Amino acid sequence: TKSSKVFWIPNLGWIGAVGFSKTARRQLRFWDLKDLSKPIYKNDIDQVSSVLMPYYDNDNGLLYMSGKGDGAVSYSEIINDSKKWYPLSQYRATEPQKGGGWMAKRSCNVFRCEVNRFFKLTKSTIIPISFIVPRKSGADVFQEDIFPDTFAGKPALSADEWLSGENKDPVTISMDPEKKEDGDDSQQTTFVKKKTYQELEDENKELRARVAELEAQLNIGGGDGGDGDAQPADNNDGGNDDYNAAAAEEDDADGGD
């Protein structure tokens, strides 16, 4: 009845899972994707009751496991040999974690030899935990062996390409700061949050008000233009009438004399 978690191991073509055995011990298993009929590895980890949350670093072949409700984050190495799983060490703390998340590998500080960073969620805080390889020359020389090309955060396929059955390798970038191309960050996919119904309604009101304002301006402009067009003809006609009336009055005055 307890929760189990599955994770991919792409570099080996395996799939892994953490869960509980029939004796309520936390357990780790691996399967080869070519034959899922039985696991190629199975091992009981411990007797703790908290649910494990796995995270596999495909670049370095490291498996991180954090238990929900305890304060430890363990890390181990997975190798395709007779033993397969090699526990390395763990981070320990007294404050239990409610959950957590892992930062994108491309954002790690390579000059500190930081290979991963975990954000530990507690009851009231988020605590960043860096996993650092201790090397004296790390601050001066890029450590290529622990920082291979990593996932660039960009889709390799469009939705239409994927639906048509195409397949491509993931898009990767170099972790070496000197080899990073200009504009790598600007080429990343940008996700735009969908507007809420209230935001759309307010935008619609603003557009309607703007349309009404423009229509009012056009009506005023049309009236002035019509008067202006008619005015010269009225002025000319009126001028001729005034001239004719003045000439008639002048003739009457002459006739009277």
Protein backbone atom coordinates (compact mmCIF):
# COMPACT_ATOMS: atom_id res chain seq x y z
CA THR A 1 0.00 0.00 0.00
CA LYS A 2 3.03 2.32 0.33
CA SER A 3 4.20 4.54 -2.50
CA SER A 4 6.76 3.42 -5.10
CA LYS A 5 8.75 5.68 -7.44
CA VAL A 6 10.15 4.88 -10.89
CA PHE A 7 13.10 6.58 -12.62
CA TRP A 8 14.85 6.18 -15.97
CA ILE A 9 18.53 5.26 -16.44
CA PRO A 10 18.97 6.34 -20.09
CA ASN A 11 22.75 5.90 -20.42
CA LEU A 12 22.42 2.16 -19.58
CA GLY A 13 19.03 1.48 -21.12
CA TRP A 14 17.58 0.53 -17.74
CA ILE A 15 14.64 1.53 -15.59
CA GLY A 16 14.80 1.70 -11.80
CA ALA A 17 12.32 1.81 -8.94
CA VAL A 18 12.32 2.38 -5.19
CA GLY A 19 9.61 1.02 -2.95
CA PHE A 20 9.04 -1.48 -0.15
CA SER A 21 9.47 -5.22 0.13
CA LYS A 22 6.95 -7.62 1.67
CA THR A 23 8.76 -7.22 5.00
CA ALA A 24 8.32 -3.39 4.87
CA ARG A 25 11.97 -2.72 4.06
CA ARG A 26 12.87 0.01 1.58
CA GLN A 27 14.04 -1.62 -1.64
CA LEU A 28 15.85 -0.67 -4.87
CA ARG A 29 15.42 -2.54 -8.16
CA PHE A 30 16.72 -2.25 -11.75
CA TRP A 31 15.26 -3.70 -14.96
CA ASP A 32 16.77 -3.93 -18.41
CA LEU A 33 14.38 -2.42 -20.97
CA LYS A 34 15.17 -5.29 -23.33
CA ASP A 35 13.70 -7.79 -20.86
CA LEU A 36 11.26 -6.57 -18.20
CA SER A 37 10.18 -10.04 -17.11
CA LYS A 38 12.48 -9.95 -14.04
CA PRO A 39 14.77 -7.37 -12.39
CA ILE A 40 18.50 -7.51 -13.08
CA TYR A 41 19.21 -6.10 -9.60
CA LYS A 42 17.35 -6.07 -6.28
CA ASN A 43 18.56 -4.88 -2.89
CA ASP A 44 16.99 -3.98 0.46
CA ILE A 45 18.22 -0.55 1.58
CA ASP A 46 17.01 -0.16 5.17
CA GLN A 47 14.03 -0.48 7.52
CA VAL A 48 13.00 3.22 7.51
CA SER A 49 9.31 3.88 6.81
CA SER A 50 9.64 7.15 4.85
CA VAL A 51 9.04 7.12 1.10
CA LEU A 52 12.15 7.58 -1.05
CA MET A 53 12.21 10.18 -3.84
CA PRO A 54 14.82 9.20 -6.48
CA TYR A 55 16.68 11.49 -8.88
CA TYR A 56 19.09 10.06 -11.45
CA ASP A 57 21.91 12.20 -12.86
CA ASN A 58 22.40 10.74 -16.33
CA ASP A 59 25.58 12.76 -16.96
CA ASN A 60 27.58 11.21 -14.11
CA GLY A 61 25.61 8.02 -13.46
CA LEU A 62 24.70 9.05 -9.92
CA LEU A 63 21.48 8.19 -8.11
CA TYR A 64 20.27 10.58 -5.39
CA MET A 65 17.57 9.48 -2.95
CA SER A 66 15.85 11.74 -0.44
CA GLY A 67 13.35 10.39 2.06
CA LYS A 68 10.12 12.27 2.68
CA GLY A 69 10.03 12.84 6.42
CA ASP A 70 13.72 12.34 7.18
CA GLY A 71 16.66 14.73 6.83
CA ALA A 72 19.10 12.68 4.73
CA VAL A 73 19.92 12.79 1.01
CA SER A 74 22.02 9.81 -0.08
CA TYR A 75 23.92 9.43 -3.34
CA SER A 76 25.29 6.36 -5.07
CA GLU A 77 26.76 5.29 -8.39
CA ILE A 78 25.19 2.91 -10.91
CA ILE A 79 27.59 0.94 -13.13
CA ASN A 80 26.89 -1.85 -15.60
CA ASP A 81 28.93 -4.58 -13.95
CA SER A 82 28.31 -7.52 -11.62
CA LYS A 83 27.65 -5.32 -8.57
CA LYS A 84 25.70 -2.53 -10.34
CA TRP A 85 24.97 -0.31 -7.30
CA TYR A 86 27.70 1.43 -5.29
CA PRO A 87 26.58 3.53 -2.28
CA LEU A 88 28.90 6.54 -1.85
CA SER A 89 27.80 8.83 0.98
CA GLN A 90 24.92 10.99 2.18
CA TYR A 91 24.02 14.45 3.41
CA ARG A 92 22.56 14.44 6.93
CA ALA A 93 20.51 17.04 8.78
CA THR A 94 18.23 16.98 11.80
CA GLU A 95 15.40 18.95 10.16
CA PRO A 96 13.09 16.66 8.18
CA GLN A 97 12.15 17.45 4.59
CA LYS A 98 8.64 17.59 3.20
CA GLY A 99 9.93 17.35 -0.36
CA GLY A 100 12.37 19.02 -2.69
CA GLY A 101 13.56 19.63 -6.24
CA TRP A 102 16.76 19.56 -8.27
CA MET A 103 18.25 22.50 -10.11
CA ALA A 104 19.03 22.19 -13.81
CA LYS A 105 22.54 20.81 -14.25
CA ARG A 106 23.55 23.59 -16.65
CA SER A 107 23.20 26.14 -13.81
CA CYS A 108 25.74 24.47 -11.50
CA ASN A 109 28.88 26.38 -10.48
CA VAL A 110 31.61 24.51 -12.36
CA PHE A 111 34.44 26.40 -10.65
CA ARG A 112 33.28 25.06 -7.28
CA CYS A 113 33.00 21.58 -8.84
CA GLU A 114 29.31 21.62 -7.98
CA VAL A 115 27.80 18.61 -9.73
CA ASN A 116 24.23 19.03 -8.41
CA ARG A 117 22.09 21.22 -6.17
CA PHE A 118 19.06 20.09 -4.20
CA PHE A 119 16.45 22.49 -2.83
CA LYS A 120 15.19 20.97 0.39
CA LEU A 121 11.64 21.92 1.36
CA THR A 122 10.97 22.04 5.10
CA LYS A 123 7.97 23.27 7.09
CA SER A 124 8.97 26.94 6.81
CA THR A 125 12.07 27.22 4.58
CA ILE A 126 13.75 26.12 1.35
CA ILE A 127 17.38 25.10 1.92
CA PRO A 128 19.82 24.81 -1.04
CA ILE A 129 22.20 21.85 -0.68
CA SER A 130 25.20 21.71 -3.04
CA PHE A 131 26.97 18.46 -3.89
CA ILE A 132 30.61 19.32 -4.57
CA VAL A 133 33.50 17.16 -5.75
CA PRO A 134 36.58 18.12 -3.66
CA ARG A 135 39.30 19.11 -6.14
CA LYS A 136 42.08 21.61 -5.52
CA SER A 137 42.38 22.72 -9.14
CA GLY A 138 38.63 23.07 -9.66
CA ALA A 139 38.64 26.85 -9.23
CA ASP A 140 41.30 27.31 -11.92
CA VAL A 141 40.80 24.54 -14.48
CA PHE A 142 37.52 23.30 -15.94
CA GLN A 143 37.00 19.67 -14.86
CA GLU A 144 35.87 18.09 -18.10
CA ASP A 145 35.59 14.56 -16.70
CA ILE A 146 32.84 15.47 -14.20
CA PHE A 147 31.11 18.03 -16.44
CA PRO A 148 30.23 16.39 -19.77
CA ASP A 149 27.82 18.09 -22.16
CA THR A 150 24.43 18.33 -20.48
CA PHE A 151 20.80 18.83 -21.46
CA ALA A 152 20.27 22.31 -22.87
CA GLY A 153 16.67 22.71 -21.75
CA LYS A 154 15.47 22.91 -25.37
CA PRO A 155 13.07 20.54 -27.14
CA ALA A 156 14.67 18.36 -29.83
CA LEU A 157 11.33 17.86 -31.62
CA SER A 158 8.28 19.96 -32.30
CA ALA A 159 4.84 18.55 -31.46
CA ASP A 160 4.13 17.81 -35.14
CA GLU A 161 7.48 16.04 -35.58
CA TRP A 162 6.85 13.88 -32.53
CA LEU A 163 3.33 12.98 -33.66
CA SER A 164 4.68 11.99 -37.08
CA GLY A 165 7.02 9.46 -35.44
CA GLU A 166 10.36 11.27 -35.73
CA ASN A 167 13.08 10.75 -33.15
CA LYS A 168 16.15 12.83 -32.26
CA ASP A 169 18.82 12.88 -29.57
CA PRO A 170 18.41 15.47 -26.77
CA VAL A 171 19.87 18.93 -27.39
CA THR A 172 22.99 19.40 -25.24
CA ILE A 173 25.35 22.25 -24.40
CA SER A 174 28.88 22.40 -23.03
CA MET A 175 29.36 23.15 -19.35
CA ASP A 176 32.69 24.84 -20.12
CA PRO A 177 32.12 28.63 -19.79
CA GLU A 178 34.68 29.29 -22.53
CA LYS A 179 32.81 27.09 -25.02
CA LYS A 180 29.34 28.41 -24.38
CA GLU A 181 27.97 30.24 -27.38
CA ASP A 182 26.56 33.74 -27.15
CA GLY A 183 22.79 33.80 -27.10
CA ASP A 184 22.37 30.29 -25.64
CA ASP A 185 20.04 31.63 -22.96
CA SER A 186 18.01 33.74 -25.39
CA GLN A 187 17.30 30.71 -27.60
CA GLN A 188 15.57 28.79 -24.84
CA THR A 189 11.88 28.12 -25.13
CA THR A 190 9.76 30.73 -23.38
CA PHE A 191 6.45 29.73 -21.82
CA VAL A 192 3.79 32.45 -21.58
CA LYS A 193 1.23 32.13 -18.82
CA LYS A 194 -2.35 31.90 -20.05
CA LYS A 195 -4.48 34.90 -19.08
CA THR A 196 -7.30 34.39 -16.61
CA TYR A 197 -10.94 35.01 -17.49
CA GLN A 198 -10.95 38.22 -15.44
CA GLU A 199 -7.83 39.51 -17.24
CA LEU A 200 -9.41 38.79 -20.62
CA GLU A 201 -12.63 40.52 -19.57
CA ASP A 202 -10.75 43.64 -18.43
CA GLU A 203 -8.78 43.68 -21.68
CA ASN A 204 -12.02 43.43 -23.64
CA LYS A 205 -13.48 46.41 -21.75
CA GLU A 206 -10.39 48.50 -22.52
CA LEU A 207 -10.60 47.62 -26.22
CA ARG A 208 -14.31 48.49 -26.36
CA ALA A 209 -13.64 51.85 -24.71
CA ARG A 210 -10.85 52.57 -27.20
CA VAL A 211 -13.09 51.69 -30.16
CA ALA A 212 -15.82 54.00 -28.84
CA GLU A 213 -13.28 56.80 -28.44
CA LEU A 214 -12.02 56.41 -32.02
CA GLU A 215 -15.55 56.27 -33.41
CA ALA A 216 -16.41 59.49 -31.58
CA GLN A 217 -13.34 61.19 -33.06
CA LEU A 218 -14.27 60.06 -36.57
CA ASN A 219 -17.83 61.39 -36.22
CA ILE A 220 -16.57 64.83 -35.11
CA GLY A 221 -14.07 64.98 -37.93
CA GLY A 222 -16.69 64.02 -40.55
CA GLY A 223 -19.09 66.79 -39.44
CA ASP A 224 -16.44 69.51 -39.71
CA GLY A 225 -15.38 68.24 -43.10
CA GLY A 226 -18.96 68.33 -44.43
CA ASP A 227 -19.52 71.89 -43.24
CA GLY A 228 -16.21 72.94 -44.71
CA ASP A 229 -17.03 71.47 -48.10
CA ALA A 230 -20.42 73.11 -48.25
CA GLN A 231 -19.26 76.48 -46.90
CA PRO A 232 -17.34 77.75 -49.98
CA ALA A 233 -20.33 77.17 -52.25
CA ASP A 234 -22.61 78.97 -49.80
CA ASN A 235 -20.15 81.84 -49.55
CA ASN A 236 -19.86 82.15 -53.31
CA ASP A 237 -23.59 82.03 -53.84
CA GLY A 238 -24.14 84.46 -51.04
CA GLY A 239 -21.51 86.79 -52.42
CA ASN A 240 -23.14 86.84 -55.85
CA ASP A 241 -26.56 87.49 -54.31
CA ASP A 242 -25.18 90.36 -52.28
CA TYR A 243 -23.52 91.80 -55.37
CA ASN A 244 -26.74 91.52 -57.46
CA ALA A 245 -28.83 93.07 -54.70
CA ALA A 246 -26.41 95.97 -54.37
CA ALA A 247 -26.45 96.55 -58.14
CA ALA A 248 -30.27 96.58 -58.19
CA GLU A 249 -30.42 99.09 -55.36
CA GLU A 250 -27.96 101.31 -57.20
CA ASP A 251 -30.04 101.17 -60.40
CA ASP A 252 -33.19 102.10 -58.49
CA ALA A 253 -31.41 105.05 -56.97
CA ASP A 254 -30.30 106.26 -60.41
CA GLY A 255 -33.80 105.84 -61.82
CA GLY A 256 -35.28 107.88 -59.01
CA ASP A 257 -32.95 110.73 -59.71
